[in-house]
Amino acid sequence: MNVGGRPFRTVWLEDGCVRMIEQNLLPFRFEIVRMSTWHDTAKAIRDMTVRGAGAIGAAGALGLAQAALQAPDRGFHEAVAQAADGLTRTRPTAQNLFYGVGRVLRAIQAEGDDLRAARRAAEAVGREVADDDAECCRLIGEHGLVLVPDGARVSTHCNAGWLAFVDWGSALSPVYAARRVGRNVHVWVDETRPRGQGARLTAWELGQEGVPHAILPDGATASLMRRGQVDVVIVGSDRIAANGDVANKIGTYASALAARAHGLPFYVAAPTTTIDPGCPEGGAIPIEERSADEVRTVWGWSDEGRFVQVRVAPEGSPAWNPAFDVTPAELIAGIVTERGVVPATPEGIARVARVR
């Protein structure tokens, strides 16, 4: 996707190091950062230098490849196992992370004690995971194009664009596909408190692509629907259970309820790597809880040109900060995958789920 007219991916492997866009600085500064070791890559996932289901899945896969390339011959498999454990412990909800690390780990283990082959396999499969994510998201755009006719007004929550994946994105991929075939599209962007991924990331990348959009306070979305100014809701997902329940950024459930109340279709877009066939329903999805300070403070760009944090709540007030919520399958009109649009039912999920 484009930054100032130049194509970029969100995360990639170069000279044995993982490189990525520093998303914590956007939209104020665009910067590429270099992760020298798998420990650095794991920290980048944990502190959300890279974030979004597909992007952290690719980062995890490339981070494990990085670990294999750097591990000593003596104790190689122990070092790789330690890296796999450390990478998967960074964030608990996004299924893509476990998928990506698992694929690379299995490729390494399949080579046994041939360490040269194990390193080659790790790098090749790590790159395959990243390439697959980008291609899946491109195909999501093709399959989701029917949801975004000319003149469509799309509501979305958080960031499920190309910054959240290796390229193209999930929820925004049909929007980008529609624009590139000449359709007029407008996107309503929920600001997405507390970290503001909608206001900071989705709005920025839509601007880079020249897509008309407007940022909304999270609490304004239902009112906009009531006024008849939304045609369809498309969001992403961090994990999809076997019954079709979906975990996504906190606030997604409220958007789905509002869409149901106003007779609007609510779609989830995600590659099949997001499906967790071993998770029976939404209540079994682990929900990450983050620091209360993310609720009590905000980051922004000062008039002096500095990235600063300011407090917006009483210093002693406690806060609850779940990063995700679960939207029940019955509220979802369909799930847009690289294999087509399927119903949010056990049968629909089983039809497209990957064999692990």
Protein backbone atom coordinates (compact mmCIF):
# COMPACT_ATOMS: atom_id res chain seq x y z
CA MET A 1 0.00 0.00 0.00
CA ASN A 2 1.03 3.60 -0.45
CA VAL A 3 2.85 6.07 1.77
CA GLY A 4 3.43 9.29 -0.10
CA GLY A 5 2.96 7.36 -3.34
CA ARG A 6 5.61 4.77 -2.41
CA PRO A 7 4.64 1.12 -1.79
CA PHE A 8 5.36 -0.39 1.62
CA ARG A 9 4.60 -3.51 3.59
CA THR A 10 3.95 -3.33 7.32
CA VAL A 11 6.60 -5.88 8.35
CA TRP A 12 9.33 -7.82 6.51
CA LEU A 13 12.64 -9.68 6.95
CA GLU A 14 15.82 -8.08 5.64
CA ASP A 15 19.42 -9.21 6.26
CA GLY A 16 18.32 -11.40 9.15
CA CYS A 17 16.54 -8.54 10.91
CA VAL A 18 12.81 -7.86 11.16
CA ARG A 19 11.88 -4.42 9.88
CA MET A 20 8.54 -2.75 10.46
CA ILE A 21 6.64 0.52 10.44
CA GLU A 22 6.69 2.13 13.91
CA GLN A 23 2.95 2.39 14.39
CA ASN A 24 3.15 4.10 17.79
CA LEU A 25 4.45 7.25 16.05
CA LEU A 26 1.71 7.46 13.42
CA PRO A 27 0.19 9.65 12.10
CA PHE A 28 2.70 12.22 13.29
CA ARG A 29 5.87 10.56 12.04
CA PHE A 30 6.50 7.78 9.53
CA GLU A 31 9.50 5.73 10.58
CA ILE A 32 10.90 2.28 9.73
CA VAL A 33 12.53 0.50 12.67
CA ARG A 34 14.92 -2.45 12.73
CA MET A 35 14.61 -5.33 15.16
CA SER A 36 18.07 -6.91 15.54
CA THR A 37 17.05 -9.98 17.58
CA TRP A 38 13.92 -11.99 18.25
CA HIS A 39 13.82 -10.38 21.70
CA ASP A 40 13.49 -6.99 19.98
CA THR A 41 10.75 -8.36 17.71
CA ALA A 42 8.86 -9.76 20.70
CA LYS A 43 9.11 -6.40 22.49
CA ALA A 44 7.79 -4.65 19.36
CA ILE A 45 4.73 -6.92 19.38
CA ARG A 46 4.21 -6.40 23.11
CA ASP A 47 4.47 -2.59 23.04
CA MET A 48 2.44 -2.33 19.80
CA THR A 49 5.18 -0.98 17.59
CA VAL A 50 3.55 -3.53 15.29
CA ARG A 51 -0.11 -4.38 15.91
CA GLY A 52 -3.07 -5.91 14.13
CA ALA A 53 -3.79 -9.61 13.83
CA GLY A 54 -2.07 -10.35 10.53
CA ALA A 55 0.87 -8.03 11.14
CA ILE A 56 1.75 -9.58 14.49
CA GLY A 57 1.23 -13.03 13.00
CA ALA A 58 3.83 -12.22 10.33
CA ALA A 59 6.08 -10.53 12.88
CA GLY A 60 5.93 -13.63 15.07
CA ALA A 61 6.75 -15.93 12.15
CA LEU A 62 9.62 -13.73 10.97
CA GLY A 63 10.81 -13.31 14.56
CA LEU A 64 11.10 -17.08 14.95
CA ALA A 65 12.91 -17.30 11.60
CA GLN A 66 15.23 -14.61 12.92
CA ALA A 67 15.82 -16.67 16.07
CA ALA A 68 16.70 -19.73 13.99
CA LEU A 69 19.12 -17.77 11.83
CA GLN A 70 20.88 -16.39 14.93
CA ALA A 71 20.77 -19.45 17.23
CA PRO A 72 24.08 -21.24 17.89
CA ASP A 73 24.54 -24.81 16.67
CA ARG A 74 24.95 -26.04 20.21
CA GLY A 75 21.55 -25.93 21.88
CA PHE A 76 19.89 -24.84 18.63
CA HIS A 77 16.52 -26.48 19.21
CA GLU A 78 16.37 -25.29 22.82
CA ALA A 79 17.05 -21.71 21.69
CA VAL A 80 14.35 -21.94 19.03
CA ALA A 81 11.83 -23.34 21.53
CA GLN A 82 12.62 -20.50 23.92
CA ALA A 83 12.05 -17.94 21.15
CA ALA A 84 8.76 -19.56 20.11
CA ASP A 85 7.55 -19.45 23.70
CA GLY A 86 8.66 -15.84 24.16
CA LEU A 87 7.01 -14.66 20.94
CA THR A 88 3.66 -16.34 21.66
CA ARG A 89 3.57 -14.89 25.16
CA THR A 90 3.61 -11.31 23.89
CA ARG A 91 -0.14 -10.93 23.30
CA PRO A 92 -2.84 -13.52 24.02
CA THR A 93 -5.82 -12.83 21.77
CA ALA A 94 -4.81 -12.71 18.08
CA GLN A 95 -4.89 -16.24 16.65
CA ASN A 96 -2.66 -15.22 13.73
CA LEU A 97 0.33 -14.92 16.09
CA PHE A 98 0.03 -18.52 17.22
CA TYR A 99 -0.57 -19.68 13.65
CA GLY A 100 2.52 -17.89 12.29
CA VAL A 101 4.90 -19.01 15.03
CA GLY A 102 3.51 -22.55 14.90
CA ARG A 103 4.06 -22.87 11.16
CA VAL A 104 7.71 -21.83 11.38
CA LEU A 105 8.34 -24.00 14.43
CA ARG A 106 6.94 -27.09 12.69
CA ALA A 107 9.10 -26.38 9.62
CA ILE A 108 12.21 -26.20 11.80
CA GLN A 109 11.36 -29.38 13.69
CA ALA A 110 10.74 -31.27 10.46
CA GLU A 111 14.43 -30.87 9.52
CA GLY A 112 15.63 -32.61 12.68
CA ASP A 113 19.36 -32.16 13.32
CA ASP A 114 20.14 -30.77 9.87
CA LEU A 115 20.58 -27.24 11.20
CA ARG A 116 21.46 -25.68 7.86
CA ALA A 117 18.21 -27.01 6.38
CA ALA A 118 16.31 -25.96 9.51
CA ARG A 119 17.54 -22.37 9.15
CA ARG A 120 16.65 -22.32 5.45
CA ALA A 121 13.20 -23.73 6.19
CA ALA A 122 12.61 -21.20 8.98
CA GLU A 123 13.40 -18.25 6.74
CA ALA A 124 11.42 -19.62 3.80
CA VAL A 125 8.31 -20.40 5.83
CA GLY A 126 8.51 -17.10 7.73
CA ARG A 127 8.44 -15.27 4.43
CA GLU A 128 5.63 -17.54 3.21
CA VAL A 129 3.50 -16.60 6.22
CA ALA A 130 3.97 -12.90 5.42
CA ASP A 131 3.32 -13.36 1.70
CA ASP A 132 0.24 -15.49 2.42
CA ASP A 133 -1.17 -12.81 4.70
CA ALA A 134 -0.80 -10.16 1.99
CA GLU A 135 -2.36 -12.39 -0.68
CA CYS A 136 -5.25 -13.43 1.58
CA CYS A 137 -6.06 -9.79 2.25
CA ARG A 138 -5.95 -8.97 -1.46
CA LEU A 139 -8.47 -11.75 -2.08
CA ILE A 140 -10.65 -10.50 0.79
CA GLY A 141 -10.88 -7.27 -1.19
CA GLU A 142 -12.03 -9.15 -4.28
CA HIS A 143 -14.65 -11.19 -2.43
CA GLY A 144 -15.82 -8.20 -0.39
CA LEU A 145 -16.17 -5.90 -3.38
CA VAL A 146 -19.87 -6.79 -3.66
CA LEU A 147 -20.43 -5.26 -0.20
CA VAL A 148 -19.16 -1.84 -1.33
CA PRO A 149 -21.22 -0.60 -4.29
CA ASP A 150 -20.78 2.85 -5.78
CA GLY A 151 -21.78 5.49 -3.23
CA ALA A 152 -21.47 3.14 -0.24
CA ARG A 153 -21.07 4.62 3.23
CA VAL A 154 -19.03 2.16 5.28
CA SER A 155 -18.66 2.19 9.05
CA THR A 156 -15.59 0.55 10.59
CA HIS A 157 -14.07 0.21 14.04
CA CYS A 158 -10.40 0.28 15.06
CA ASN A 159 -7.84 -0.37 12.32
CA ALA A 160 -8.20 -3.39 10.06
CA GLY A 161 -6.46 -1.82 7.11
CA TRP A 162 -3.04 -2.54 5.67
CA LEU A 163 -1.28 -1.41 8.84
CA ALA A 164 -2.94 -4.29 10.70
CA PHE A 165 -1.76 -6.86 8.16
CA VAL A 166 1.22 -7.26 5.87
CA ASP A 167 -0.65 -5.49 3.07
CA TRP A 168 -4.18 -4.56 1.92
CA GLY A 169 -5.88 -5.22 5.27
CA SER A 170 -9.09 -7.09 6.00
CA ALA A 171 -12.03 -4.74 6.69
CA LEU A 172 -10.59 -2.01 4.47
CA SER A 173 -9.47 -4.26 1.63
CA PRO A 174 -12.94 -4.19 -0.03
CA VAL A 175 -12.89 -0.40 0.31
CA TYR A 176 -9.51 -0.14 -1.40
CA ALA A 177 -10.63 -2.60 -4.08
CA ALA A 178 -13.78 -0.53 -4.69
CA ARG A 179 -11.77 2.69 -5.03
CA ARG A 180 -9.42 1.08 -7.51
CA VAL A 181 -12.30 0.13 -9.80
CA GLY A 182 -13.58 3.69 -9.67
CA ARG A 183 -16.37 3.50 -7.09
CA ASN A 184 -17.16 6.39 -4.80
CA VAL A 185 -16.88 5.24 -1.18
CA HIS A 186 -17.02 7.09 2.13
CA VAL A 187 -15.73 5.57 5.38
CA TRP A 188 -16.92 6.51 8.86
CA VAL A 189 -13.97 5.93 11.19
CA ASP A 190 -14.62 5.25 14.89
CA GLU A 191 -11.82 6.93 16.86
CA THR A 192 -11.40 3.71 18.92
CA ARG A 193 -10.53 4.66 22.46
CA PRO A 194 -8.34 4.27 24.35
CA ARG A 195 -5.41 4.00 21.91
CA GLY A 196 -7.15 5.76 19.02
CA GLN A 197 -6.26 3.29 16.27
CA GLY A 198 -9.14 4.55 14.15
CA ALA A 199 -8.30 8.23 14.50
CA ARG A 200 -4.55 7.73 14.24
CA LEU A 201 -4.10 4.78 11.89
CA THR A 202 -7.24 4.14 9.83
CA ALA A 203 -7.73 7.83 9.02
CA TRP A 204 -4.04 8.15 8.09
CA GLU A 205 -3.99 5.23 5.68
CA LEU A 206 -7.33 6.21 4.11
CA GLY A 207 -5.80 9.63 3.53
CA GLN A 208 -2.74 8.05 1.88
CA GLU A 209 -5.10 6.22 -0.50
CA GLY A 210 -7.28 9.26 -1.15
CA VAL A 211 -10.42 7.65 0.31
CA PRO A 212 -13.02 10.13 1.62
CA HIS A 213 -13.58 9.58 5.34
CA ALA A 214 -14.49 11.24 8.64
CA ILE A 215 -13.49 10.40 12.22
CA LEU A 216 -16.25 9.90 14.79
CA PRO A 217 -16.28 9.68 18.57
CA ASP A 218 -17.01 6.03 19.36
CA GLY A 219 -20.30 7.00 20.97
CA ALA A 220 -21.56 8.72 17.80
CA THR A 221 -21.74 5.66 15.55
CA ALA A 222 -25.21 4.51 16.63
CA SER A 223 -26.61 8.01 16.12
CA LEU A 224 -25.16 8.11 12.62
CA MET A 225 -26.86 4.80 11.86
CA ARG A 226 -30.15 6.13 13.18
CA ARG A 227 -29.88 9.09 10.80
CA GLY A 228 -29.58 6.72 7.83
CA GLN A 229 -26.02 7.68 6.96
CA VAL A 230 -24.48 4.18 7.11
CA ASP A 231 -25.02 1.44 4.52
CA VAL A 232 -22.81 -1.35 5.84
CA VAL A 233 -20.48 -2.08 8.75
CA ILE A 234 -17.23 -3.96 8.07
CA VAL A 235 -14.78 -4.72 10.88
CA GLY A 236 -11.79 -7.00 11.35
CA SER A 237 -11.11 -9.75 13.85
CA ASP A 238 -8.33 -11.04 16.08
CA ARG A 239 -9.81 -14.49 16.66
CA ILE A 240 -12.83 -16.35 15.28
CA ALA A 241 -14.23 -19.26 17.28
CA ALA A 242 -15.50 -22.47 15.70
CA ASN A 243 -19.13 -21.41 16.19
CA GLY A 244 -18.67 -18.05 14.42
CA ASP A 245 -18.28 -15.80 17.48
CA VAL A 246 -15.68 -13.11 16.84
CA ALA A 247 -13.20 -11.27 19.07
CA ASN A 248 -12.21 -7.81 17.88
CA LYS A 249 -11.23 -4.45 19.34
CA ILE A 250 -13.28 -3.34 22.32
CA GLY A 251 -16.35 -1.48 21.09
CA THR A 252 -17.02 -3.83 18.17
CA TYR A 253 -19.85 -5.54 20.05
CA ALA A 254 -21.57 -2.18 20.60
CA SER A 255 -21.31 -1.41 16.88
CA ALA A 256 -22.84 -4.80 16.04
CA LEU A 257 -25.74 -4.22 18.44
CA ALA A 258 -26.39 -0.78 16.94
CA ALA A 259 -26.27 -2.22 13.41
CA ARG A 260 -28.81 -4.91 14.35
CA ALA A 261 -31.11 -2.29 15.92
CA HIS A 262 -31.06 -0.25 12.71
CA GLY A 263 -31.33 -3.12 10.24
CA LEU A 264 -27.81 -2.74 8.87
CA PRO A 265 -25.58 -5.60 7.69
CA PHE A 266 -22.59 -6.18 9.97
CA TYR A 267 -19.70 -8.05 8.32
CA VAL A 268 -16.41 -9.33 9.67
CA ALA A 269 -13.42 -9.56 7.33
CA ALA A 270 -10.50 -11.81 8.22
CA PRO A 271 -8.10 -14.29 6.64
CA THR A 272 -8.69 -17.90 7.63
CA THR A 273 -5.51 -17.77 9.75
CA THR A 274 -7.65 -15.86 12.25
CA ILE A 275 -9.96 -18.86 12.74
CA ASP A 276 -9.25 -20.97 15.82
CA PRO A 277 -10.95 -24.34 15.21
CA GLY A 278 -9.95 -25.45 18.70
CA CYS A 279 -11.89 -22.63 20.35
CA PRO A 280 -15.55 -23.73 20.63
CA GLU A 281 -17.18 -20.32 21.25
CA GLY A 282 -16.46 -16.70 22.09
CA GLY A 283 -16.43 -17.20 25.84
CA ALA A 284 -13.31 -19.36 25.47
CA ILE A 285 -11.30 -16.65 23.69
CA PRO A 286 -8.62 -15.13 25.98
CA ILE A 287 -9.20 -11.38 26.24
CA GLU A 288 -6.12 -9.23 26.76
CA GLU A 289 -6.34 -6.59 29.49
CA ARG A 290 -3.92 -3.72 29.10
CA SER A 291 -2.61 -1.02 31.41
CA ALA A 292 -5.18 1.25 33.06
CA ASP A 293 -2.96 4.20 32.12
CA GLU A 294 -4.05 3.80 28.50
CA VAL A 295 -7.53 4.89 29.67
CA ARG A 296 -6.35 7.59 32.08
CA THR A 297 -3.96 9.25 29.63
CA VAL A 298 -3.68 10.10 25.94
CA TRP A 299 -0.72 10.57 23.62
CA GLY A 300 -0.59 13.34 21.06
CA TRP A 301 1.54 15.74 19.05
CA SER A 302 2.22 19.03 20.80
CA ASP A 303 2.46 22.48 19.22
CA GLU A 304 6.18 22.29 20.01
CA GLY A 305 6.54 19.27 17.75
CA ARG A 306 6.88 16.63 20.46
CA PHE A 307 5.02 13.37 21.03
CA VAL A 308 3.67 13.77 24.57
CA GLN A 309 1.44 11.95 27.05
CA VAL A 310 -1.13 13.88 29.09
CA ARG A 311 -3.49 12.80 31.86
CA VAL A 312 -7.25 13.07 31.18
CA ALA A 313 -8.64 11.48 34.37
CA PRO A 314 -8.22 11.96 38.14
CA GLU A 315 -4.89 10.53 39.20
CA GLY A 316 -6.38 8.17 41.78
CA SER A 317 -9.26 6.82 39.69
CA PRO A 318 -9.05 3.12 38.78
CA ALA A 319 -9.77 2.03 35.21
CA TRP A 320 -10.61 -1.16 33.36
CA ASN A 321 -8.99 -1.65 29.96
CA PRO A 322 -9.97 -4.80 28.04
CA ALA A 323 -8.40 -4.64 24.60
CA PHE A 324 -11.08 -6.77 22.91
CA ASP A 325 -14.69 -7.87 23.17
CA VAL A 326 -16.68 -10.72 21.64
CA THR A 327 -19.45 -10.27 19.09
CA PRO A 328 -21.89 -13.23 19.02
CA ALA A 329 -22.29 -15.00 15.70
CA GLU A 330 -25.99 -14.19 15.48
CA LEU A 331 -25.18 -10.49 14.99
CA ILE A 332 -22.86 -11.15 12.02
CA ALA A 333 -24.21 -11.11 8.46
CA GLY A 334 -21.18 -12.95 7.10
CA ILE A 335 -17.43 -13.43 7.38
CA VAL A 336 -15.36 -12.30 4.41
CA THR A 337 -12.32 -14.53 3.92
CA GLU A 338 -9.83 -15.18 1.12
CA ARG A 339 -12.00 -18.22 0.28
CA GLY A 340 -15.21 -16.26 -0.04
CA VAL A 341 -17.98 -14.91 2.17
CA VAL A 342 -19.31 -17.53 4.58
CA PRO A 343 -22.03 -17.45 7.24
CA ALA A 344 -20.95 -17.06 10.86
CA THR A 345 -22.06 -20.59 11.70
CA PRO A 346 -20.18 -23.76 12.66
CA GLU A 347 -20.78 -25.08 9.14
CA GLY A 348 -19.57 -21.88 7.50
CA ILE A 349 -16.44 -21.73 9.64
CA ALA A 350 -15.64 -25.41 9.07
CA ARG A 351 -15.95 -24.89 5.32
CA VAL A 352 -13.01 -22.45 5.18
CA ALA A 353 -10.94 -23.20 8.31
CA ARG A 354 -7.37 -24.27 7.66
CA VAL A 355 -6.06 -27.65 8.75
CA ARG A 356 -3.43 -26.97 11.40
